[in-house]
Amino acid sequence: MAKINFDYLRNKIGYTLLKLSNKKPKKILIFSPQRTFSNYFETFLIKNFYVDVINSTDYIRDYNNVLHKHIYKFSRKKLERYNNNNYIFFLLYKNSKLWIESLKKNEMDFFDEFLVHHKIKISRSDNNNLKRYHKTWYKNWLNLRKNFNNVELINHKQTLKYYSNLSLFNYLKKKYNLTDKGKIKIPKKIRRSKKFDKSKY
């Protein structure tokens, strides 16, 4: 169930109006390992452009779903239907050292849910296997990228400062002809960005 708020409603209404006026607003797919600013980036897109994030975790909750944003096993054939100008694939990147540091903030959904679900055994302290997992994830996606024309790689450093966000905003608007919502808005509240309270969890 989607989280319905002002940004959600504004985006849905604007997106629908663009379609009715025979414009073709973009459909977005976001992919990354967990703790790689995917919630931030989705919020950034929704706040600033009229787009449809079709694999938002508001909708795609099953780790087995080929469209789940953190999926690491996939086939070119299953994603081929999205290889056209109506869709943009965003691959979000954070280097392995920073990624491992990020896992420490919200580690439970990765180690206790995601890895368990996929029967992957990596301990919290096993940095070598974590780096190997990280490397394999991107290696798989970069190999797939060679066969797609609509894949954009976004580095987390592009979202760290205001002017980096502004540059990203202008770049995406120009390259993909995205319809913006006016002056750039920087996300402030990001879901699951705070450290878990393990006792409540």
Foldseek 3Di string as FASTA:
>chain_A
DDDDDPLVVVLVVVLVVCVVVVHQAAEEAAAEAPLQCPLQVVVQCSQWFNYHDPQPCSPPVDQPDQRNRHHQDHDLVVCVVQQDLRYAYEYGDDQLVVSLVSCQQAVCCVQVNVCVVVVHDDDNPRSVVSNVSRVSSVVVVVVSVVVGDRYHYHYCVCQPDDVSSVVVSVVCCVPSVTHTPDDRDRDDDGPPSGGDPVVVD
